Amino acid sequence: MRFIYSPRYVVDLGGHIFPTKKFALTAERLKGVLPFLEPTSPSREDILLAHMEKWTDKVLDCHMSLEDETLMELPFSKEVSLAHQLAVSGTILACRDALDGGVGLHIGGGSHHAFSDHGEGFCVLNDIACGILRMIEDKKISRAAVIDLDVHQGNGTAQIFSKNNGVFTFSMHQEDIYPEVKQKSSLDVSLPRGTADKEYLELLEKNLPLVFEHHPDLIVYQSGVDGYQKDILGGLGLTAEGLLKRDLIVRDFCRNFKVPVAVTLGGGYALEIEETAFLHAQTLLCFVE
């Protein structure tokens, strides 16, 4: 077991609300727990598994229009391109680790707003989709599922897999925030603003069995911690303890059904960045135990 991480995930975005430093702070908290492996750039073919050729080449060549950047809500640069490319490789490695040993741990990834032909919501490339489709292409699996518990709906992931019956997408998210237009996942659970631990955990335990009825060979867990009650881009009422219980529920379902799981981070925007790093590290440590 190991952590997948690259220091190049940290990019200076000039005061942007997306705190890329959280990746380094999370990694720092996990030093000494397990070995680290740094991903290298993915092949163009890895990206093309989930993305259209035109978008893939825009990312690789770093030629973005103002409209592209506006949709992504990111100031695009070679450094941003590389960070998101490396995250694709990171999740591919985490998927391979999961299939080899039961669990893959990525201190990064979870870019669930990236569509096949464009980026959105701080997401350039959909590493979740690339990871799953690489495992299918390599004939390591035939079926997969995504458990997406970020506070925002996994719209890009839903779109990419909308016509793929072999991949079940489950998104449990706040209903009244970004993205304004939701895509249709295999299973969507929309939550009202203010949903707190008890109701959230009850709904999670009620709906997770439907994911495993799909009989996936692999789970990718998008474990965004922006459902935290102090998150500035969300409006749910989850405590740190509630998020811990959430992660343990997902872990135990995967173990009980004997399905390998690759963990990706996703969102987290607490006012105090150290709180976000603590919550991300808490998630990953659940799957180490």
C-alpha atoms as a PDB file:
ATOM      1  CA  MET A   1       0.000   0.000   0.000  1.00  0.00           C
ATOM      2  CA  ARG A   2       1.242   3.508  -0.840  1.00  0.00           C
ATOM      3  CA  PHE A   3       0.140   7.083  -1.411  1.00  0.00           C
ATOM      4  CA  ILE A   4       0.144   8.516  -4.924  1.00  0.00           C
ATOM      5  CA  TYR A   5       1.142  12.180  -4.931  1.00  0.00           C
ATOM      6  CA  SER A   6       3.021  14.820  -6.902  1.00  0.00           C
ATOM      7  CA  PRO A   7       4.257  18.132  -5.476  1.00  0.00           C
ATOM      8  CA  ARG A   8       3.356  19.550  -8.886  1.00  0.00           C
ATOM      9  CA  TYR A   9      -0.308  19.387  -7.875  1.00  0.00           C
ATOM     10  CA  VAL A  10       0.448  22.629  -6.048  1.00  0.00           C
ATOM     11  CA  VAL A  11       0.166  25.521  -8.508  1.00  0.00           C
ATOM     12  CA  ASP A  12       0.178  29.244  -7.780  1.00  0.00           C
ATOM     13  CA  LEU A  13      -3.232  30.430  -9.006  1.00  0.00           C
ATOM     14  CA  GLY A  14      -2.772  33.978  -7.795  1.00  0.00           C
ATOM     15  CA  GLY A  15      -5.256  34.131  -4.933  1.00  0.00           C
ATOM     16  CA  HIS A  16      -7.822  31.850  -6.592  1.00  0.00           C
ATOM     17  CA  ILE A  17     -10.362  30.249  -4.265  1.00  0.00           C
ATOM     18  CA  PHE A  18      -9.148  26.745  -5.147  1.00  0.00           C
ATOM     19  CA  PRO A  19      -6.459  25.983  -2.525  1.00  0.00           C
ATOM     20  CA  THR A  20      -3.935  23.790  -4.352  1.00  0.00           C
ATOM     21  CA  LYS A  21      -1.664  24.030  -1.308  1.00  0.00           C
ATOM     22  CA  LYS A  22      -4.071  21.648   0.439  1.00  0.00           C
ATOM     23  CA  PHE A  23      -2.504  18.754  -1.465  1.00  0.00           C
ATOM     24  CA  ALA A  24       0.942  19.465   0.008  1.00  0.00           C
ATOM     25  CA  LEU A  25      -0.501  19.981   3.499  1.00  0.00           C
ATOM     26  CA  THR A  26      -2.392  16.687   3.260  1.00  0.00           C
ATOM     27  CA  ALA A  27       0.722  14.878   2.058  1.00  0.00           C
ATOM     28  CA  GLU A  28       2.706  16.387   4.945  1.00  0.00           C
ATOM     29  CA  ARG A  29       0.201  14.959   7.433  1.00  0.00           C
ATOM     30  CA  LEU A  30       0.619  11.503   5.902  1.00  0.00           C
ATOM     31  CA  LYS A  31       4.402  11.348   5.775  1.00  0.00           C
ATOM     32  CA  GLY A  32       5.768   8.279   7.508  1.00  0.00           C
ATOM     33  CA  VAL A  33       2.499   6.371   7.296  1.00  0.00           C
ATOM     34  CA  LEU A  34       3.127   4.712   3.918  1.00  0.00           C
ATOM     35  CA  PRO A  35       5.595   5.097   1.053  1.00  0.00           C
ATOM     36  CA  PHE A  36       4.879   7.741  -1.593  1.00  0.00           C
ATOM     37  CA  LEU A  37       4.909   7.274  -5.375  1.00  0.00           C
ATOM     38  CA  GLU A  38       5.013  10.250  -7.737  1.00  0.00           C
ATOM     39  CA  PRO A  39       3.096   9.840 -11.010  1.00  0.00           C
ATOM     40  CA  THR A  40       4.540  10.725 -14.400  1.00  0.00           C
ATOM     41  CA  SER A  41       2.600  12.294 -17.260  1.00  0.00           C
ATOM     42  CA  PRO A  42      -0.114  10.139 -18.833  1.00  0.00           C
ATOM     43  CA  SER A  43      -0.095   9.157 -22.474  1.00  0.00           C
ATOM     44  CA  ARG A  44      -2.309  11.028 -24.919  1.00  0.00           C
ATOM     45  CA  GLU A  45      -4.201   7.756 -25.307  1.00  0.00           C
ATOM     46  CA  ASP A  46      -4.960   7.670 -21.558  1.00  0.00           C
ATOM     47  CA  ILE A  47      -6.665  11.067 -21.835  1.00  0.00           C
ATOM     48  CA  LEU A  48      -8.468  10.188 -25.072  1.00  0.00           C
ATOM     49  CA  LEU A  49     -10.212   7.328 -23.283  1.00  0.00           C
ATOM     50  CA  ALA A  50     -12.469   9.898 -21.598  1.00  0.00           C
ATOM     51  CA  HIS A  51     -12.020  13.082 -23.639  1.00  0.00           C
ATOM     52  CA  MET A  52     -12.585  14.254 -27.181  1.00  0.00           C
ATOM     53  CA  GLU A  53      -9.512  14.756 -29.358  1.00  0.00           C
ATOM     54  CA  LYS A  54     -10.036  18.512 -29.712  1.00  0.00           C
ATOM     55  CA  TRP A  55     -10.190  19.045 -25.931  1.00  0.00           C
ATOM     56  CA  THR A  56      -7.277  16.693 -25.285  1.00  0.00           C
ATOM     57  CA  ASP A  57      -5.072  18.630 -27.680  1.00  0.00           C
ATOM     58  CA  LYS A  58      -6.114  21.964 -26.174  1.00  0.00           C
ATOM     59  CA  VAL A  59      -4.968  20.722 -22.771  1.00  0.00           C
ATOM     60  CA  LEU A  60      -1.733  19.174 -24.008  1.00  0.00           C
ATOM     61  CA  ASP A  61      -0.842  22.147 -26.226  1.00  0.00           C
ATOM     62  CA  CYS A  62      -1.982  24.703 -23.610  1.00  0.00           C
ATOM     63  CA  HIS A  63      -4.095  26.605 -26.109  1.00  0.00           C
ATOM     64  CA  MET A  64      -7.230  27.709 -24.297  1.00  0.00           C
ATOM     65  CA  SER A  65      -9.782  30.298 -25.359  1.00  0.00           C
ATOM     66  CA  LEU A  66     -11.295  32.818 -22.964  1.00  0.00           C
ATOM     67  CA  GLU A  67     -14.526  30.793 -23.129  1.00  0.00           C
ATOM     68  CA  ASP A  68     -12.631  27.636 -22.127  1.00  0.00           C
ATOM     69  CA  GLU A  69     -11.059  29.372 -19.130  1.00  0.00           C
ATOM     70  CA  THR A  70     -14.369  30.917 -18.122  1.00  0.00           C
ATOM     71  CA  LEU A  71     -16.039  27.490 -18.049  1.00  0.00           C
ATOM     72  CA  MET A  72     -13.136  25.983 -16.096  1.00  0.00           C
ATOM     73  CA  GLU A  73     -13.074  28.945 -13.718  1.00  0.00           C
ATOM     74  CA  LEU A  74      -9.288  28.590 -13.644  1.00  0.00           C
ATOM     75  CA  PRO A  75      -6.451  30.730 -14.965  1.00  0.00           C
ATOM     76  CA  PHE A  76      -4.929  28.210 -17.390  1.00  0.00           C
ATOM     77  CA  SER A  77      -1.170  27.727 -17.703  1.00  0.00           C
ATOM     78  CA  LYS A  78       1.385  25.039 -18.496  1.00  0.00           C
ATOM     79  CA  GLU A  79       1.637  24.367 -14.764  1.00  0.00           C
ATOM     80  CA  VAL A  80      -2.130  23.883 -14.449  1.00  0.00           C
ATOM     81  CA  SER A  81      -2.126  21.607 -17.497  1.00  0.00           C
ATOM     82  CA  LEU A  82       0.671  19.487 -16.049  1.00  0.00           C
ATOM     83  CA  ALA A  83      -0.974  19.248 -12.619  1.00  0.00           C
ATOM     84  CA  HIS A  84      -4.188  17.910 -14.135  1.00  0.00           C
ATOM     85  CA  GLN A  85      -2.350  15.549 -16.455  1.00  0.00           C
ATOM     86  CA  LEU A  86      -0.416  14.133 -13.513  1.00  0.00           C
ATOM     87  CA  ALA A  87      -3.665  13.708 -11.583  1.00  0.00           C
ATOM     88  CA  VAL A  88      -4.934  11.502 -14.420  1.00  0.00           C
ATOM     89  CA  SER A  89      -1.871   9.286 -14.035  1.00  0.00           C
ATOM     90  CA  GLY A  90      -2.306   9.401 -10.263  1.00  0.00           C
ATOM     91  CA  THR A  91      -5.813   8.016 -10.402  1.00  0.00           C
ATOM     92  CA  ILE A  92      -4.821   5.399 -12.978  1.00  0.00           C
ATOM     93  CA  LEU A  93      -2.092   4.267 -10.566  1.00  0.00           C
ATOM     94  CA  ALA A  94      -4.567   4.270  -7.667  1.00  0.00           C
ATOM     95  CA  CYS A  95      -6.951   2.095  -9.689  1.00  0.00           C
ATOM     96  CA  ARG A  96      -4.134  -0.353 -10.420  1.00  0.00           C
ATOM     97  CA  ASP A  97      -3.142  -0.402  -6.750  1.00  0.00           C
ATOM     98  CA  ALA A  98      -6.759  -1.069  -5.793  1.00  0.00           C
ATOM     99  CA  LEU A  99      -6.979  -4.032  -8.146  1.00  0.00           C
ATOM    100  CA  ASP A 100      -3.630  -5.383  -6.950  1.00  0.00           C
ATOM    101  CA  GLY A 101      -4.147  -4.944  -3.213  1.00  0.00           C
ATOM    102  CA  GLY A 102      -7.719  -3.876  -2.497  1.00  0.00           C
ATOM    103  CA  VAL A 103      -7.087  -0.154  -1.956  1.00  0.00           C
ATOM    104  CA  GLY A 104      -5.563   2.690  -4.010  1.00  0.00           C
ATOM    105  CA  LEU A 105      -4.812   6.019  -2.326  1.00  0.00           C
ATOM    106  CA  HIS A 106      -4.461   9.218  -4.341  1.00  0.00           C
ATOM    107  CA  ILE A 107      -3.616  12.486  -2.590  1.00  0.00           C
ATOM    108  CA  GLY A 108      -5.253  14.345  -5.446  1.00  0.00           C
ATOM    109  CA  GLY A 109      -7.688  13.793  -8.287  1.00  0.00           C
ATOM    110  CA  GLY A 110     -11.458  13.666  -8.173  1.00  0.00           C
ATOM    111  CA  SER A 111     -11.990  16.203 -10.994  1.00  0.00           C
ATOM    112  CA  HIS A 112     -15.596  15.248 -11.538  1.00  0.00           C
ATOM    113  CA  HIS A 113     -16.724  18.438 -13.320  1.00  0.00           C
ATOM    114  CA  ALA A 114     -14.572  17.807 -16.416  1.00  0.00           C
ATOM    115  CA  PHE A 115     -16.727  16.777 -19.383  1.00  0.00           C
ATOM    116  CA  SER A 116     -15.584  14.797 -22.407  1.00  0.00           C
ATOM    117  CA  ASP A 117     -15.200  17.979 -24.497  1.00  0.00           C
ATOM    118  CA  HIS A 118     -14.504  20.752 -21.982  1.00  0.00           C
ATOM    119  CA  GLY A 119     -13.496  21.585 -18.420  1.00  0.00           C
ATOM    120  CA  GLU A 120     -15.726  23.057 -15.724  1.00  0.00           C
ATOM    121  CA  GLY A 121     -15.645  23.982 -12.062  1.00  0.00           C
ATOM    122  CA  PHE A 122     -11.845  23.953 -11.463  1.00  0.00           C
ATOM    123  CA  CYS A 123     -11.598  20.629 -13.357  1.00  0.00           C
ATOM    124  CA  VAL A 124      -9.613  20.233 -16.586  1.00  0.00           C
ATOM    125  CA  LEU A 125      -9.423  16.454 -17.101  1.00  0.00           C
ATOM    126  CA  ASN A 126     -11.673  13.820 -15.568  1.00  0.00           C
ATOM    127  CA  ASP A 127      -9.147  11.562 -13.864  1.00  0.00           C
ATOM    128  CA  ILE A 128     -11.939   9.371 -12.453  1.00  0.00           C
ATOM    129  CA  ALA A 129     -13.195   8.502 -15.930  1.00  0.00           C
ATOM    130  CA  CYS A 130      -9.668   8.069 -17.314  1.00  0.00           C
ATOM    131  CA  GLY A 131      -8.782   5.689 -14.491  1.00  0.00           C
ATOM    132  CA  ILE A 132     -11.856   3.509 -14.936  1.00  0.00           C
ATOM    133  CA  LEU A 133     -11.668   3.448 -18.722  1.00  0.00           C
ATOM    134  CA  ARG A 134      -7.959   2.570 -18.637  1.00  0.00           C
ATOM    135  CA  MET A 135      -8.755  -0.429 -16.416  1.00  0.00           C
ATOM    136  CA  ILE A 136     -11.522  -1.494 -18.820  1.00  0.00           C
ATOM    137  CA  GLU A 137      -9.306  -0.946 -21.872  1.00  0.00           C
ATOM    138  CA  ASP A 138      -6.582  -3.080 -20.255  1.00  0.00           C
ATOM    139  CA  LYS A 139      -9.203  -5.774 -19.565  1.00  0.00           C
ATOM    140  CA  LYS A 140      -8.529  -5.659 -15.840  1.00  0.00           C
ATOM    141  CA  ILE A 141     -12.233  -5.039 -15.140  1.00  0.00           C
ATOM    142  CA  SER A 142     -15.523  -5.127 -17.025  1.00  0.00           C
ATOM    143  CA  ARG A 143     -17.713  -3.163 -14.619  1.00  0.00           C
ATOM    144  CA  ALA A 144     -17.082  -0.242 -12.274  1.00  0.00           C
ATOM    145  CA  ALA A 145     -18.868   2.264 -10.078  1.00  0.00           C
ATOM    146  CA  VAL A 146     -18.214   5.791  -8.867  1.00  0.00           C
ATOM    147  CA  ILE A 147     -19.220   6.832  -5.357  1.00  0.00           C
ATOM    148  CA  ASP A 148     -19.148  10.633  -5.434  1.00  0.00           C
ATOM    149  CA  LEU A 149     -19.753  12.319  -2.075  1.00  0.00           C
ATOM    150  CA  ASP A 150     -18.445  15.774  -2.952  1.00  0.00           C
ATOM    151  CA  VAL A 151     -20.938  18.508  -2.019  1.00  0.00           C
ATOM    152  CA  HIS A 152     -21.279  19.310  -5.737  1.00  0.00           C
ATOM    153  CA  GLN A 153     -22.814  16.907  -8.253  1.00  0.00           C
ATOM    154  CA  GLY A 154     -20.363  14.906 -10.376  1.00  0.00           C
ATOM    155  CA  ASN A 155     -21.784  16.294 -13.596  1.00  0.00           C
ATOM    156  CA  GLY A 156     -18.806  15.617 -15.848  1.00  0.00           C
ATOM    157  CA  THR A 157     -18.469  12.023 -14.696  1.00  0.00           C
ATOM    158  CA  ALA A 158     -22.204  11.488 -15.228  1.00  0.00           C
ATOM    159  CA  GLN A 159     -21.966  12.875 -18.768  1.00  0.00           C
ATOM    160  CA  ILE A 160     -18.939  10.789 -19.744  1.00  0.00           C
ATOM    161  CA  PHE A 161     -20.545   7.552 -18.565  1.00  0.00           C
ATOM    162  CA  SER A 162     -24.130   8.383 -19.549  1.00  0.00           C
ATOM    163  CA  LYS A 163     -24.166   5.754 -22.318  1.00  0.00           C
ATOM    164  CA  ASN A 164     -21.901   3.228 -20.628  1.00  0.00           C
ATOM    165  CA  ASN A 165     -23.986   0.557 -18.923  1.00  0.00           C
ATOM    166  CA  GLY A 166     -20.871  -0.964 -17.421  1.00  0.00           C
ATOM    167  CA  VAL A 167     -20.223   2.026 -15.138  1.00  0.00           C
ATOM    168  CA  PHE A 168     -22.633   2.992 -12.360  1.00  0.00           C
ATOM    169  CA  THR A 169     -22.371   6.613 -11.209  1.00  0.00           C
ATOM    170  CA  PHE A 170     -23.687   7.580  -7.770  1.00  0.00           C
ATOM    171  CA  SER A 171     -23.646  11.213  -6.661  1.00  0.00           C
ATOM    172  CA  MET A 172     -24.968  12.428  -3.322  1.00  0.00           C
ATOM    173  CA  HIS A 173     -24.774  16.225  -3.286  1.00  0.00           C
ATOM    174  CA  GLN A 174     -26.354  19.490  -2.230  1.00  0.00           C
ATOM    175  CA  GLU A 175     -29.234  20.401  -4.538  1.00  0.00           C
ATOM    176  CA  ASP A 176     -29.136  24.220  -4.595  1.00  0.00           C
ATOM    177  CA  ILE A 177     -25.502  24.930  -5.531  1.00  0.00           C
ATOM    178  CA  TYR A 178     -23.150  24.503  -8.485  1.00  0.00           C
ATOM    179  CA  PRO A 179     -23.609  23.061 -11.025  1.00  0.00           C
ATOM    180  CA  GLU A 180     -26.838  24.887 -11.769  1.00  0.00           C
ATOM    181  CA  VAL A 181     -27.719  22.347 -14.467  1.00  0.00           C
ATOM    182  CA  LYS A 182     -27.265  18.826 -13.139  1.00  0.00           C
ATOM    183  CA  GLN A 183     -26.510  15.834 -15.349  1.00  0.00           C
ATOM    184  CA  LYS A 184     -28.243  12.490 -14.802  1.00  0.00           C
ATOM    185  CA  SER A 185     -26.144  10.003 -12.865  1.00  0.00           C
ATOM    186  CA  SER A 186     -27.159   6.368 -12.526  1.00  0.00           C
ATOM    187  CA  LEU A 187     -28.266   7.397  -9.033  1.00  0.00           C
ATOM    188  CA  ASP A 188     -28.544  10.971  -7.759  1.00  0.00           C
ATOM    189  CA  VAL A 189     -29.424  11.863  -4.178  1.00  0.00           C
ATOM    190  CA  SER A 190     -30.024  15.603  -3.807  1.00  0.00           C
ATOM    191  CA  LEU A 191     -29.761  17.098  -0.338  1.00  0.00           C
ATOM    192  CA  PRO A 192     -31.275  20.303   1.025  1.00  0.00           C
ATOM    193  CA  ARG A 193     -29.021  23.005   2.428  1.00  0.00           C
ATOM    194  CA  GLY A 194     -28.152  22.375   6.072  1.00  0.00           C
ATOM    195  CA  THR A 195     -28.384  18.563   5.940  1.00  0.00           C
ATOM    196  CA  ALA A 196     -26.452  17.367   8.999  1.00  0.00           C
ATOM    197  CA  ASP A 197     -24.722  14.173  10.080  1.00  0.00           C
ATOM    198  CA  LYS A 198     -27.665  11.983  11.117  1.00  0.00           C
ATOM    199  CA  GLU A 199     -29.821  12.440   8.025  1.00  0.00           C
ATOM    200  CA  TYR A 200     -26.816  12.374   5.704  1.00  0.00           C
ATOM    201  CA  LEU A 201     -25.440   9.105   7.064  1.00  0.00           C
ATOM    202  CA  GLU A 202     -28.865   7.455   7.042  1.00  0.00           C
ATOM    203  CA  LEU A 203     -29.336   8.361   3.370  1.00  0.00           C
ATOM    204  CA  LEU A 204     -25.864   7.129   2.517  1.00  0.00           C
ATOM    205  CA  GLU A 205     -26.430   3.739   4.146  1.00  0.00           C
ATOM    206  CA  LYS A 206     -29.830   3.476   2.444  1.00  0.00           C
ATOM    207  CA  ASN A 207     -28.495   4.155  -1.047  1.00  0.00           C
ATOM    208  CA  LEU A 208     -25.072   2.498  -1.106  1.00  0.00           C
ATOM    209  CA  PRO A 209     -26.510  -1.029  -1.546  1.00  0.00           C
ATOM    210  CA  LEU A 210     -27.859   0.085  -4.929  1.00  0.00           C
ATOM    211  CA  VAL A 211     -24.294   0.780  -6.062  1.00  0.00           C
ATOM    212  CA  PHE A 212     -23.188  -2.733  -5.181  1.00  0.00           C
ATOM    213  CA  GLU A 213     -26.194  -4.287  -6.919  1.00  0.00           C
ATOM    214  CA  HIS A 214     -24.339  -3.250 -10.080  1.00  0.00           C
ATOM    215  CA  HIS A 215     -21.649  -5.823  -9.126  1.00  0.00           C
ATOM    216  CA  PRO A 216     -18.682  -3.540  -9.830  1.00  0.00           C
ATOM    217  CA  ASP A 217     -15.169  -4.926 -10.167  1.00  0.00           C
ATOM    218  CA  LEU A 218     -13.794  -1.574  -8.993  1.00  0.00           C
ATOM    219  CA  ILE A 219     -15.044   1.452  -7.057  1.00  0.00           C
ATOM    220  CA  VAL A 220     -13.614   4.934  -7.464  1.00  0.00           C
ATOM    221  CA  TYR A 221     -14.489   7.020  -4.403  1.00  0.00           C
ATOM    222  CA  GLN A 222     -14.606  10.786  -4.918  1.00  0.00           C
ATOM    223  CA  SER A 223     -14.272  11.779  -1.273  1.00  0.00           C
ATOM    224  CA  GLY A 224     -14.656  15.569  -1.413  1.00  0.00           C
ATOM    225  CA  VAL A 225     -14.816  17.115   2.056  1.00  0.00           C
ATOM    226  CA  ASP A 226     -16.715  20.246   1.016  1.00  0.00           C
ATOM    227  CA  GLY A 227     -19.807  18.953   2.794  1.00  0.00           C
ATOM    228  CA  TYR A 228     -18.046  20.139   5.965  1.00  0.00           C
ATOM    229  CA  GLN A 229     -20.083  22.658   7.959  1.00  0.00           C
ATOM    230  CA  LYS A 230     -17.317  25.282   7.698  1.00  0.00           C
ATOM    231  CA  ASP A 231     -16.796  24.968   3.942  1.00  0.00           C
ATOM    232  CA  ILE A 232     -17.195  28.271   2.108  1.00  0.00           C
ATOM    233  CA  LEU A 233     -18.428  26.748  -1.184  1.00  0.00           C
ATOM    234  CA  GLY A 234     -20.960  24.364   0.346  1.00  0.00           C
ATOM    235  CA  GLY A 235     -23.948  24.582   2.616  1.00  0.00           C
ATOM    236  CA  LEU A 236     -24.269  21.202   4.319  1.00  0.00           C
ATOM    237  CA  GLY A 237     -23.868  20.737   8.054  1.00  0.00           C
ATOM    238  CA  LEU A 238     -21.475  17.800   8.306  1.00  0.00           C
ATOM    239  CA  THR A 239     -19.029  17.744  11.190  1.00  0.00           C
ATOM    240  CA  ALA A 240     -15.518  16.303  11.052  1.00  0.00           C
ATOM    241  CA  GLU A 241     -16.864  13.301  12.961  1.00  0.00           C
ATOM    242  CA  GLY A 242     -19.712  12.955  10.461  1.00  0.00           C
ATOM    243  CA  LEU A 243     -17.254  12.952   7.554  1.00  0.00           C
ATOM    244  CA  LEU A 244     -15.194  10.304   9.331  1.00  0.00           C
ATOM    245  CA  LYS A 245     -18.289   8.120   9.748  1.00  0.00           C
ATOM    246  CA  ARG A 246     -19.140   8.711   6.078  1.00  0.00           C
ATOM    247  CA  ASP A 247     -15.721   7.446   4.998  1.00  0.00           C
ATOM    248  CA  LEU A 248     -15.905   4.431   7.298  1.00  0.00           C
ATOM    249  CA  ILE A 249     -19.306   3.505   5.861  1.00  0.00           C
ATOM    250  CA  VAL A 250     -17.923   3.600   2.311  1.00  0.00           C
ATOM    251  CA  ARG A 251     -14.830   1.645   3.372  1.00  0.00           C
ATOM    252  CA  ASP A 252     -16.853  -1.028   5.138  1.00  0.00           C
ATOM    253  CA  PHE A 253     -19.262  -1.458   2.215  1.00  0.00           C
ATOM    254  CA  CYS A 254     -16.310  -1.985  -0.124  1.00  0.00           C
ATOM    255  CA  ARG A 255     -14.764  -4.483   2.275  1.00  0.00           C
ATOM    256  CA  ASN A 256     -17.984  -6.352   2.926  1.00  0.00           C
ATOM    257  CA  PHE A 257     -18.709  -6.707  -0.782  1.00  0.00           C
ATOM    258  CA  LYS A 258     -15.012  -7.421  -1.490  1.00  0.00           C
ATOM    259  CA  VAL A 259     -14.754  -4.673  -4.116  1.00  0.00           C
ATOM    260  CA  PRO A 260     -11.405  -2.880  -4.598  1.00  0.00           C
ATOM    261  CA  VAL A 261     -11.583   0.888  -4.070  1.00  0.00           C
ATOM    262  CA  ALA A 262      -9.464   3.748  -5.384  1.00  0.00           C
ATOM    263  CA  VAL A 263      -9.786   6.900  -3.273  1.00  0.00           C
ATOM    264  CA  THR A 264      -9.515  10.382  -4.834  1.00  0.00           C
ATOM    265  CA  LEU A 265      -9.832  13.657  -2.956  1.00  0.00           C
ATOM    266  CA  GLY A 266     -12.133  16.098  -4.753  1.00  0.00           C
ATOM    267  CA  GLY A 267     -13.246  19.378  -3.209  1.00  0.00           C
ATOM    268  CA  GLY A 268     -12.545  21.038   0.108  1.00  0.00           C
ATOM    269  CA  TYR A 269     -12.661  24.772   0.789  1.00  0.00           C
ATOM    270  CA  ALA A 270     -12.721  25.394   4.521  1.00  0.00           C
ATOM    271  CA  LEU A 271     -11.708  28.913   5.464  1.00  0.00           C
ATOM    272  CA  GLU A 272      -8.762  27.441   7.359  1.00  0.00           C
ATOM    273  CA  ILE A 273      -6.837  25.374   4.807  1.00  0.00           C
ATOM    274  CA  GLU A 274      -5.350  23.228   7.589  1.00  0.00           C
ATOM    275  CA  GLU A 275      -8.863  22.001   8.397  1.00  0.00           C
ATOM    276  CA  THR A 276      -9.310  20.870   4.803  1.00  0.00           C
ATOM    277  CA  ALA A 277      -5.961  19.061   4.887  1.00  0.00           C
ATOM    278  CA  PHE A 278      -6.915  17.381   8.171  1.00  0.00           C
ATOM    279  CA  LEU A 279     -10.199  16.139   6.679  1.00  0.00           C
ATOM    280  CA  HIS A 280      -8.552  14.837   3.501  1.00  0.00           C
ATOM    281  CA  ALA A 281      -5.896  13.031   5.542  1.00  0.00           C
ATOM    282  CA  GLN A 282      -8.609  11.621   7.800  1.00  0.00           C
ATOM    283  CA  THR A 283     -10.325  10.108   4.761  1.00  0.00           C
ATOM    284  CA  LEU A 284      -7.181   8.460   3.418  1.00  0.00           C
ATOM    285  CA  LEU A 285      -6.198   7.109   6.822  1.00  0.00           C
ATOM    286  CA  CYS A 286      -9.573   5.338   7.077  1.00  0.00           C
ATOM    287  CA  PHE A 287      -8.600   3.201   4.111  1.00  0.00           C
ATOM    288  CA  VAL A 288      -5.132   2.472   5.473  1.00  0.00           C
ATOM    289  CA  GLU A 289      -6.513   0.802   8.613  1.00  0.00           C
END
